[in-house]
Amino acid sequence: MSEERQPFTDEDLVVLATDVVARARQLGADEADAYLLSGIESSVSVRRGEVERLIEAGSRSVSIRVIREKRTAVCNTSDFTPRALDALVQSAVELAKISEPDEFAGLPAKEDLASDYGAGLGLFDESIESLTVDEMKDVVLRAERAAFDFDARVTNSEGAEFAAERGQLVLANSLGFAGTFPYTAASFAVSVIADDADGKKRNDSWFSAERRLHRLESPEEVGRRAAARAVRKLGAVKVRTREAPVVWDPLMAARLARMVAAAASGEAMFKRATFLFGLEGEQVGSPLCTIIDDATLPGRLASRPFDGEGVTTRRHAVIDGGRFGAFLFDSYYGRRTGRRTTGSAARTGDSIGIGYGNLVWQPGATPAKEIIGGVPDGLYLTDLMGHSVNSVTGDLSLGAAGVWIEHGELTYPVTEINVSGNLKQMLRDVDAVGDDLLWMAGSAAPTVRVERMTVSGL
């Protein structure tokens, strides 16, 4: 076995990260931190009852951020040999010497760093660690079979896949912080194709993703949902352009919540590139709108005890009863704006920015059926395509599909349409929120109705 393939214990990984930071300091860094991930990923893919692919692969990476005389450099590697780590640190220090200085560069304040490393968050599930290939295969075969059994018009499969990962995250910095926690995640999805009487095909899918195995939806439920979504598209037509109520299904409402959360970034505030600029503490939406960013929810996929800089995570009310709470900051944009980090630093590889944890549109008290039943003529939105959202103005225009509502009933599928509006006005026009909260990976939302949007078609 080669040197780089030798296994590391959790303690070894912490020592490795702290040694990388110490080496950077020895070479002249004023400040440094190291972000390390080490894990194993397994997946099983099937199609039409046959296994197509089995994968089990280990992955690991370490990223170092070096700050010298307010000049910053970030480098990363997947090679954990001593020689490679020395080269990594030396490269980062040398790059920092020639980067542009920035007076706001630096690690977080020491008092903001976490002291609790997530023992109570339930981020690791031993049952995922012990999953066998046969067990994963059984789940996706059952999901695909349930999709075919749902309706005879489901004629083909684009495949079903189960993926599981388990690993360790370590973050160490030159302020003496060395935080670590183990993590697991499991997910599976199925995608199928339905045919109408004329042979026209429509496809759709469904998935379930969780940190803990017991929270996954049943294979049969995922298969039925995928099939129902595909079959529901058969015979889809365009509609004439009009203004109409739009009922966002939970999957789409979660996407709407993410659009709003993206506008609450401290970076966007600093650049004045958000429609929420200057509105902290102001009523920006209906009292039915409450969107929470919370990385401290036990067992959820976007939960973590500390952010990408080691700062304690917490709960944030982005929108609370229609009132805009506050922007989200990492330490850099906190300093640039005279604020303090909110524990919202997101880190992937050599990228550090502002993100959010679990994003939840809080449910209301109205059954989804009643929300639809209150629409005489409107759209039940199930799909969005594209990314045309102007974060400065809040203007939104996206390709869409769904089911048309007539006299409070879902009647016929619609496609090749466009929905447009303005996020500020849409938040004000939310006039119903369902009681059907649905978790989808690190987001959750219920059915949400927006009183009026423009639906463009014929």
Protein backbone atom coordinates (compact mmCIF):
# COMPACT_ATOMS: atom_id res chain seq x y z
CA MET A 1 0.00 0.00 0.00
CA SER A 2 1.40 3.38 -1.02
CA GLU A 3 1.97 6.08 1.54
CA GLU A 4 -0.93 8.26 0.40
CA ARG A 5 -3.39 5.37 0.79
CA GLN A 6 -2.62 4.68 4.44
CA PRO A 7 -5.78 5.01 6.55
CA PHE A 8 -6.13 7.94 8.94
CA THR A 9 -7.95 7.90 12.26
CA ASP A 10 -10.11 10.85 13.25
CA GLU A 11 -7.39 11.95 15.65
CA ASP A 12 -4.82 11.74 12.86
CA LEU A 13 -6.92 14.08 10.73
CA VAL A 14 -7.10 16.69 13.48
CA VAL A 15 -3.33 16.47 14.00
CA LEU A 16 -2.79 16.76 10.25
CA ALA A 17 -4.93 19.91 9.97
CA THR A 18 -3.30 21.58 12.97
CA ASP A 19 0.16 20.67 11.65
CA VAL A 20 -0.65 22.27 8.28
CA VAL A 21 -1.65 25.48 10.08
CA ALA A 22 1.49 25.41 12.25
CA ARG A 23 3.66 24.91 9.17
CA ALA A 24 2.05 27.95 7.50
CA ARG A 25 2.82 30.07 10.54
CA GLN A 26 6.43 28.88 10.53
CA LEU A 27 6.75 29.98 6.90
CA GLY A 28 5.55 33.49 7.65
CA ALA A 29 1.75 33.45 7.59
CA ASP A 30 0.15 35.90 10.01
CA GLU A 31 -3.02 33.80 10.09
CA ALA A 32 -4.06 30.49 8.58
CA ASP A 33 -6.78 27.89 8.66
CA ALA A 34 -7.12 24.40 7.23
CA TYR A 35 -10.37 22.76 6.14
CA LEU A 36 -10.23 18.98 5.74
CA LEU A 37 -12.71 16.38 4.53
CA SER A 38 -12.14 12.63 4.49
CA GLY A 39 -14.83 10.13 3.61
CA ILE A 40 -16.17 7.17 1.67
CA GLU A 41 -18.93 7.38 -0.92
CA SER A 42 -20.95 4.38 -2.13
CA SER A 43 -23.59 4.23 -4.85
CA VAL A 44 -25.75 1.68 -6.63
CA SER A 45 -27.51 2.46 -9.92
CA VAL A 46 -30.19 0.32 -11.53
CA ARG A 47 -32.32 0.58 -14.65
CA ARG A 48 -35.28 -1.60 -15.57
CA GLY A 49 -34.52 -4.02 -12.78
CA GLU A 50 -30.87 -4.51 -13.66
CA VAL A 51 -27.83 -3.19 -11.83
CA GLU A 52 -25.89 -0.78 -14.05
CA ARG A 53 -23.18 0.54 -11.75
CA LEU A 54 -21.66 -0.09 -8.32
CA ILE A 55 -19.19 2.42 -6.93
CA GLU A 56 -17.34 2.71 -3.65
CA ALA A 57 -14.66 5.35 -3.48
CA GLY A 58 -12.72 7.13 -0.80
CA SER A 59 -12.16 10.83 -1.12
CA ARG A 60 -10.23 13.34 0.90
CA SER A 61 -9.08 16.90 0.52
CA VAL A 62 -7.48 19.64 2.56
CA SER A 63 -7.71 23.34 1.79
CA ILE A 64 -5.45 25.91 3.45
CA ARG A 65 -6.11 29.63 3.64
CA VAL A 66 -3.07 31.78 4.35
CA ILE A 67 -3.19 35.49 5.28
CA ARG A 68 0.08 37.42 5.25
CA GLU A 69 0.18 41.20 5.57
CA LYS A 70 -3.54 41.24 4.67
CA ARG A 71 -2.84 39.30 1.47
CA THR A 72 -4.79 36.06 1.10
CA ALA A 73 -4.20 32.84 -0.80
CA VAL A 74 -6.10 29.55 -0.77
CA CYS A 75 -4.73 26.23 -2.06
CA ASN A 76 -5.98 22.65 -1.79
CA THR A 77 -4.84 19.09 -2.41
CA SER A 78 -6.10 15.52 -2.13
CA ASP A 79 -2.60 14.19 -1.50
CA PHE A 80 -1.97 13.77 2.24
CA THR A 81 1.66 12.69 2.03
CA PRO A 82 4.08 14.88 4.06
CA ARG A 83 5.85 16.04 0.90
CA ALA A 84 2.59 17.09 -0.78
CA LEU A 85 1.36 18.91 2.32
CA ASP A 86 4.64 20.80 2.62
CA ALA A 87 4.35 21.83 -1.03
CA LEU A 88 0.72 22.90 -0.44
CA VAL A 89 1.67 25.19 2.44
CA GLN A 90 4.66 26.64 0.63
CA SER A 91 2.56 27.38 -2.45
CA ALA A 92 -0.10 29.13 -0.38
CA VAL A 93 2.46 31.28 1.45
CA GLU A 94 4.20 32.23 -1.80
CA LEU A 95 0.92 33.08 -3.51
CA ALA A 96 -0.12 35.23 -0.56
CA LYS A 97 3.04 37.31 -1.01
CA ILE A 98 1.99 38.36 -4.51
CA SER A 99 -1.77 38.74 -4.02
CA GLU A 100 -3.43 42.11 -3.57
CA PRO A 101 -3.70 43.32 0.01
CA ASP A 102 -7.15 43.73 1.53
CA GLU A 103 -7.53 45.44 4.87
CA PHE A 104 -10.60 43.35 5.67
CA ALA A 105 -8.90 39.97 5.21
CA GLY A 106 -8.57 37.80 8.29
CA LEU A 107 -9.93 35.01 10.44
CA PRO A 108 -13.03 35.50 12.61
CA ALA A 109 -12.73 36.98 16.08
CA LYS A 110 -11.64 34.33 18.55
CA GLU A 111 -14.72 34.87 20.72
CA ASP A 112 -16.98 33.91 17.78
CA LEU A 113 -15.43 30.46 17.36
CA ALA A 114 -17.42 27.38 18.36
CA SER A 115 -16.67 25.40 21.48
CA ASP A 116 -19.34 22.71 20.91
CA TYR A 117 -18.59 20.37 18.02
CA GLY A 118 -22.07 19.03 17.42
CA ALA A 119 -22.37 16.03 19.71
CA GLY A 120 -26.11 16.65 20.04
CA LEU A 121 -26.85 17.40 16.40
CA GLY A 122 -27.10 13.78 15.27
CA LEU A 123 -24.96 14.25 12.17
CA PHE A 124 -23.74 10.64 12.07
CA ASP A 125 -25.89 7.54 11.66
CA GLU A 126 -24.21 4.18 12.22
CA SER A 127 -26.90 2.45 10.17
CA ILE A 128 -25.68 4.32 7.08
CA GLU A 129 -22.11 3.31 7.85
CA SER A 130 -23.18 -0.35 7.94
CA LEU A 131 -25.35 -0.29 4.78
CA THR A 132 -24.60 -3.14 2.38
CA VAL A 133 -24.70 -3.06 -1.40
CA ASP A 134 -27.62 -5.51 -1.34
CA GLU A 135 -29.61 -3.22 0.94
CA MET A 136 -29.02 -0.19 -1.28
CA LYS A 137 -29.87 -2.22 -4.37
CA ASP A 138 -33.11 -3.43 -2.79
CA VAL A 139 -34.24 0.15 -2.11
CA VAL A 140 -33.80 1.39 -5.67
CA LEU A 141 -35.23 -1.77 -7.24
CA ARG A 142 -38.35 -1.40 -5.08
CA ALA A 143 -38.63 2.29 -5.96
CA GLU A 144 -38.39 1.61 -9.69
CA ARG A 145 -40.85 -1.28 -9.45
CA ALA A 146 -43.36 0.91 -7.58
CA ALA A 147 -43.12 3.51 -10.35
CA PHE A 148 -43.91 0.93 -13.04
CA ASP A 149 -46.75 -0.52 -10.96
CA PHE A 150 -48.31 2.91 -10.41
CA ASP A 151 -49.67 3.35 -13.92
CA ALA A 152 -49.47 1.35 -17.15
CA ARG A 153 -48.49 4.54 -18.97
CA VAL A 154 -45.12 4.47 -17.19
CA THR A 155 -43.24 2.60 -19.89
CA ASN A 156 -39.57 3.22 -19.28
CA SER A 157 -37.03 4.14 -16.65
CA GLU A 158 -34.16 6.59 -16.79
CA GLY A 159 -32.72 4.81 -13.78
CA ALA A 160 -32.70 4.81 -10.01
CA GLU A 161 -29.71 5.42 -7.78
CA PHE A 162 -28.91 5.10 -4.09
CA ALA A 163 -25.93 7.03 -2.71
CA ALA A 164 -24.46 6.98 0.78
CA GLU A 165 -21.50 8.79 2.29
CA ARG A 166 -19.79 8.87 5.66
CA GLY A 167 -16.79 10.82 6.72
CA GLN A 168 -15.10 13.34 8.97
CA LEU A 169 -14.81 17.12 8.71
CA VAL A 170 -11.98 18.98 10.44
CA LEU A 171 -11.32 22.72 10.66
CA ALA A 172 -8.26 24.11 12.43
CA ASN A 173 -6.88 27.65 12.56
CA SER A 174 -4.05 29.69 14.02
CA LEU A 175 -6.29 31.04 16.79
CA GLY A 176 -6.10 27.64 18.48
CA PHE A 177 -9.41 26.33 17.12
CA ALA A 178 -9.56 22.65 16.11
CA GLY A 179 -13.12 21.50 15.50
CA THR A 180 -14.23 18.20 14.05
CA PHE A 181 -17.36 16.11 13.58
CA PRO A 182 -18.33 12.91 11.76
CA TYR A 183 -21.13 13.00 9.20
CA THR A 184 -23.32 10.71 7.13
CA ALA A 185 -25.82 11.22 4.35
CA ALA A 186 -28.03 8.95 2.27
CA SER A 187 -30.21 9.64 -0.73
CA PHE A 188 -31.99 7.84 -3.52
CA ALA A 189 -33.89 8.95 -6.59
CA VAL A 190 -35.86 7.42 -9.44
CA SER A 191 -36.62 8.93 -12.85
CA VAL A 192 -39.23 7.45 -15.20
CA ILE A 193 -40.86 8.08 -18.58
CA ALA A 194 -44.59 7.99 -19.31
CA ASP A 195 -46.25 7.68 -22.74
CA ASP A 196 -49.63 9.04 -23.79
CA ALA A 197 -51.92 7.38 -26.37
CA ASP A 198 -50.06 9.08 -29.23
CA GLY A 199 -46.66 7.98 -27.98
CA LYS A 200 -45.65 11.40 -26.74
CA LYS A 201 -43.25 10.97 -23.83
CA ARG A 202 -42.93 12.87 -20.56
CA ASN A 203 -40.37 12.24 -17.85
CA ASP A 204 -40.09 13.20 -14.20
CA SER A 205 -38.44 12.06 -11.00
CA TRP A 206 -38.54 12.13 -7.24
CA PHE A 207 -35.95 11.75 -4.51
CA SER A 208 -35.37 11.52 -0.78
CA ALA A 209 -32.19 12.69 0.99
CA GLU A 210 -31.39 12.66 4.70
CA ARG A 211 -28.56 12.43 7.22
CA ARG A 212 -30.28 9.57 9.02
CA LEU A 213 -31.51 6.43 7.29
CA HIS A 214 -34.84 6.15 9.11
CA ARG A 215 -35.94 9.56 7.84
CA LEU A 216 -35.82 8.57 4.18
CA GLU A 217 -39.16 8.19 2.44
CA SER A 218 -40.09 4.60 1.62
CA PRO A 219 -38.93 3.28 -1.76
CA GLU A 220 -42.55 2.73 -2.75
CA GLU A 221 -43.51 6.33 -1.95
CA VAL A 222 -40.58 7.75 -3.94
CA GLY A 223 -41.42 5.51 -6.90
CA ARG A 224 -45.10 6.47 -6.82
CA ARG A 225 -44.28 10.18 -6.60
CA ALA A 226 -41.94 9.97 -9.59
CA ALA A 227 -44.55 8.11 -11.64
CA ALA A 228 -47.39 10.44 -10.63
CA ARG A 229 -45.37 13.49 -11.64
CA ALA A 230 -44.56 11.97 -15.05
CA VAL A 231 -48.10 10.78 -15.75
CA ARG A 232 -49.54 14.13 -14.69
CA LYS A 233 -47.63 15.80 -17.56
CA LEU A 234 -49.28 13.71 -20.28
CA GLY A 235 -51.39 15.77 -22.66
CA ALA A 236 -49.88 19.04 -21.45
CA VAL A 237 -50.92 22.16 -23.35
CA LYS A 238 -50.10 25.85 -23.38
CA VAL A 239 -52.44 28.43 -21.91
CA ARG A 240 -53.17 31.97 -22.97
CA THR A 241 -51.25 34.77 -21.30
CA ARG A 242 -52.98 36.23 -18.25
CA GLU A 243 -52.56 37.33 -14.67
CA ALA A 244 -53.60 34.60 -12.28
CA PRO A 245 -53.02 33.14 -8.81
CA VAL A 246 -50.07 30.74 -8.69
CA VAL A 247 -50.00 27.90 -6.17
CA TRP A 248 -46.41 26.77 -5.59
CA ASP A 249 -46.13 23.09 -4.69
CA PRO A 250 -43.73 22.41 -1.75
CA LEU A 251 -40.77 21.66 -4.03
CA MET A 252 -41.22 24.97 -5.86
CA ALA A 253 -41.95 26.88 -2.64
CA ALA A 254 -38.60 25.68 -1.29
CA ARG A 255 -36.96 27.11 -4.41
CA LEU A 256 -38.77 30.41 -3.80
CA ALA A 257 -37.40 30.44 -0.25
CA ARG A 258 -33.87 29.93 -1.61
CA MET A 259 -34.32 32.91 -3.95
CA VAL A 260 -35.22 35.08 -0.97
CA ALA A 261 -32.35 33.73 1.14
CA ALA A 262 -29.87 34.46 -1.65
CA ALA A 263 -31.01 38.09 -1.56
CA ALA A 264 -30.24 38.16 2.19
CA SER A 265 -26.50 37.68 1.62
CA GLY A 266 -24.22 40.22 3.29
CA GLU A 267 -22.11 40.26 0.13
CA ALA A 268 -25.17 41.32 -1.90
CA MET A 269 -25.90 43.98 0.73
CA PHE A 270 -22.34 45.33 0.52
CA LYS A 271 -22.58 45.51 -3.27
CA ARG A 272 -26.13 46.92 -3.10
CA ALA A 273 -27.08 44.06 -5.38
CA THR A 274 -30.24 42.95 -3.58
CA PHE A 275 -33.84 44.08 -3.54
CA LEU A 276 -33.71 43.76 0.27
CA PHE A 277 -31.13 46.54 0.63
CA GLY A 278 -32.14 49.06 3.28
CA LEU A 279 -35.13 47.00 4.42
CA GLU A 280 -33.82 45.32 7.61
CA GLY A 281 -36.57 45.26 10.19
CA GLU A 282 -39.16 46.38 7.63
CA GLN A 283 -42.35 44.60 6.62
CA VAL A 284 -41.51 43.19 3.18
CA GLY A 285 -44.11 40.47 2.85
CA SER A 286 -47.38 38.99 3.99
CA PRO A 287 -47.64 38.01 7.69
CA LEU A 288 -47.89 34.44 6.37
CA CYS A 289 -44.22 34.54 5.26
CA THR A 290 -41.73 33.13 7.74
CA ILE A 291 -38.47 31.75 6.32
CA ILE A 292 -35.94 30.39 8.81
CA ASP A 293 -32.25 29.61 8.24
CA ASP A 294 -31.20 27.14 10.93
CA ALA A 295 -28.05 25.00 10.88
CA THR A 296 -28.74 23.71 14.41
CA LEU A 297 -31.68 21.39 13.67
CA PRO A 298 -30.77 17.85 14.83
CA GLY A 299 -30.22 15.29 12.11
CA ARG A 300 -30.82 17.55 9.11
CA LEU A 301 -28.65 17.60 6.01
CA ALA A 302 -27.57 21.24 6.25
CA SER A 303 -26.92 21.16 9.99
CA ARG A 304 -23.43 21.76 11.35
CA PRO A 305 -22.00 22.94 14.68
CA PHE A 306 -19.73 25.54 13.09
CA ASP A 307 -19.53 27.27 9.74
CA GLY A 308 -16.76 27.22 7.15
CA GLU A 309 -14.60 29.45 9.36
CA GLY A 310 -15.23 27.72 12.69
CA VAL A 311 -17.86 30.19 13.92
CA THR A 312 -20.78 28.88 15.97
CA THR A 313 -23.88 28.36 13.83
CA ARG A 314 -27.27 29.62 14.94
CA ARG A 315 -30.88 30.14 13.94
CA HIS A 316 -31.75 33.17 11.79
CA ALA A 317 -35.21 34.45 10.92
CA VAL A 318 -34.64 35.69 7.38
CA ILE A 319 -38.31 36.63 7.07
CA ASP A 320 -40.43 36.59 10.24
CA GLY A 321 -44.15 37.16 9.80
CA GLY A 322 -43.36 39.15 6.67
CA ARG A 323 -40.68 41.26 8.34
CA PHE A 324 -37.13 41.08 6.97
CA GLY A 325 -34.85 40.10 9.83
CA ALA A 326 -31.24 40.74 8.85
CA PHE A 327 -28.55 39.90 6.32
CA LEU A 328 -26.26 36.87 6.67
CA PHE A 329 -22.51 37.42 6.99
CA ASP A 330 -19.20 35.63 7.00
CA SER A 331 -16.33 37.34 8.81
CA TYR A 332 -15.04 39.13 5.70
CA TYR A 333 -18.27 40.85 4.70
CA GLY A 334 -19.07 41.41 8.35
CA ARG A 335 -15.91 43.52 8.64
CA ARG A 336 -16.54 45.25 5.32
CA THR A 337 -19.95 46.43 6.47
CA GLY A 338 -19.18 47.09 10.12
CA ARG A 339 -21.20 44.04 11.16
CA ARG A 340 -20.34 40.77 12.84
CA THR A 341 -20.30 37.34 11.29
CA THR A 342 -23.57 35.44 11.68
CA GLY A 343 -21.87 32.04 11.37
CA SER A 344 -22.93 31.84 7.71
CA ALA A 345 -19.59 31.15 5.99
CA ALA A 346 -19.86 28.38 3.39
CA ARG A 347 -16.74 26.54 2.28
CA THR A 348 -16.12 24.15 -0.59
CA GLY A 349 -12.60 23.41 -1.77
CA ASP A 350 -10.84 26.72 -2.31
CA SER A 351 -14.04 28.78 -2.21
CA ILE A 352 -15.25 30.65 0.88
CA GLY A 353 -18.46 32.66 0.73
CA ILE A 354 -21.81 33.23 2.40
CA GLY A 355 -24.40 30.48 2.56
CA TYR A 356 -27.17 29.18 4.78
CA GLY A 357 -28.05 26.06 6.73
CA ASN A 358 -31.42 24.33 6.67
CA LEU A 359 -33.86 26.69 5.00
CA VAL A 360 -37.45 26.26 6.17
CA TRP A 361 -40.57 28.10 5.04
CA GLN A 362 -42.66 27.65 8.15
CA PRO A 363 -46.00 25.91 7.51
CA GLY A 364 -49.39 27.49 8.03
CA ALA A 365 -52.68 25.96 9.10
CA THR A 366 -54.49 25.55 5.77
CA PRO A 367 -54.69 22.16 4.02
CA ALA A 368 -53.21 22.23 0.53
CA LYS A 369 -56.51 21.04 -0.93
CA GLU A 370 -58.24 24.12 0.47
CA ILE A 371 -55.55 26.40 -0.97
CA ILE A 372 -56.13 24.93 -4.43
CA GLY A 373 -59.88 24.93 -3.83
CA GLY A 374 -59.84 28.70 -3.32
CA VAL A 375 -58.53 29.33 -6.86
CA PRO A 376 -61.18 29.85 -9.57
CA ASP A 377 -58.64 30.11 -12.39
CA GLY A 378 -54.90 29.74 -11.86
CA LEU A 379 -51.73 27.69 -11.98
CA TYR A 380 -50.52 24.89 -9.74
CA LEU A 381 -46.76 25.25 -10.26
CA THR A 382 -44.70 22.04 -10.23
CA ASP A 383 -41.64 22.87 -12.37
CA LEU A 384 -39.36 25.84 -12.98
CA MET A 385 -36.67 26.11 -15.63
CA GLY A 386 -33.84 28.60 -15.91
CA HIS A 387 -32.31 31.07 -13.47
CA SER A 388 -33.60 34.45 -14.60
CA VAL A 389 -33.90 36.30 -11.30
CA ASN A 390 -32.61 39.88 -11.02
CA SER A 391 -31.30 40.06 -7.47
CA VAL A 392 -31.11 43.87 -7.57
CA THR A 393 -34.71 44.54 -8.54
CA GLY A 394 -36.27 41.22 -7.54
CA ASP A 395 -37.69 40.73 -11.03
CA LEU A 396 -38.28 37.07 -11.85
CA SER A 397 -39.03 35.38 -15.16
CA LEU A 398 -38.76 31.61 -15.46
CA GLY A 399 -39.91 28.82 -17.72
CA ALA A 400 -42.54 26.72 -15.99
CA ALA A 401 -44.94 23.80 -16.08
CA GLY A 402 -47.73 22.58 -13.86
CA VAL A 403 -51.44 21.87 -13.73
CA TRP A 404 -54.16 24.39 -14.48
CA ILE A 405 -56.75 25.01 -11.78
CA GLU A 406 -60.38 25.67 -12.73
CA HIS A 407 -63.13 26.23 -10.16
CA GLY A 408 -60.84 24.99 -7.38
CA GLU A 409 -59.93 21.72 -9.10
CA LEU A 410 -56.74 20.51 -10.78
CA THR A 411 -57.86 20.01 -14.37
CA TYR A 412 -55.22 19.65 -17.09
CA PRO A 413 -51.41 19.81 -17.35
CA VAL A 414 -49.75 22.88 -18.85
CA THR A 415 -46.27 23.28 -20.28
CA GLU A 416 -44.08 25.66 -22.30
CA ILE A 417 -45.24 28.61 -20.23
CA ASN A 418 -43.45 31.33 -18.32
CA VAL A 419 -44.16 32.79 -14.89
CA SER A 420 -43.00 36.29 -14.04
CA GLY A 421 -43.30 38.73 -11.19
CA ASN A 422 -41.27 40.63 -8.65
CA LEU A 423 -40.07 38.94 -5.47
CA LYS A 424 -40.93 41.97 -3.31
CA GLN A 425 -44.47 42.03 -4.62
CA MET A 426 -44.77 38.24 -4.56
CA LEU A 427 -43.89 38.14 -0.84
CA ARG A 428 -46.60 40.73 -0.19
CA ASP A 429 -49.06 38.74 -2.31
CA VAL A 430 -48.68 35.45 -0.43
CA ASP A 431 -52.26 34.85 0.70
CA ALA A 432 -52.16 31.19 1.80
CA VAL A 433 -49.57 28.85 3.29
CA GLY A 434 -50.26 25.15 3.70
CA ASP A 435 -49.88 22.77 6.62
CA ASP A 436 -48.09 20.20 4.41
CA LEU A 437 -44.43 20.90 5.24
CA LEU A 438 -42.19 18.69 3.08
CA TRP A 439 -38.44 18.20 3.67
CA MET A 440 -36.27 17.99 0.56
CA ALA A 441 -32.58 17.58 1.49
CA GLY A 442 -31.58 20.78 3.35
CA SER A 443 -34.78 22.69 2.55
CA ALA A 444 -38.39 22.40 3.64
CA ALA A 445 -41.57 24.16 2.55
CA PRO A 446 -45.34 23.72 2.39
CA THR A 447 -47.73 24.67 -0.41
CA VAL A 448 -47.67 28.46 -0.91
CA ARG A 449 -50.13 30.58 -2.89
CA VAL A 450 -49.19 33.90 -4.49
CA GLU A 451 -52.31 35.93 -5.21
CA ARG A 452 -51.24 37.20 -8.63
CA MET A 453 -48.45 36.62 -11.15
CA THR A 454 -48.17 36.85 -14.91
CA VAL A 455 -48.47 33.49 -16.66
CA SER A 456 -47.31 33.75 -20.28
CA GLY A 457 -48.26 31.22 -22.91
CA LEU A 458 -50.13 31.51 -26.20
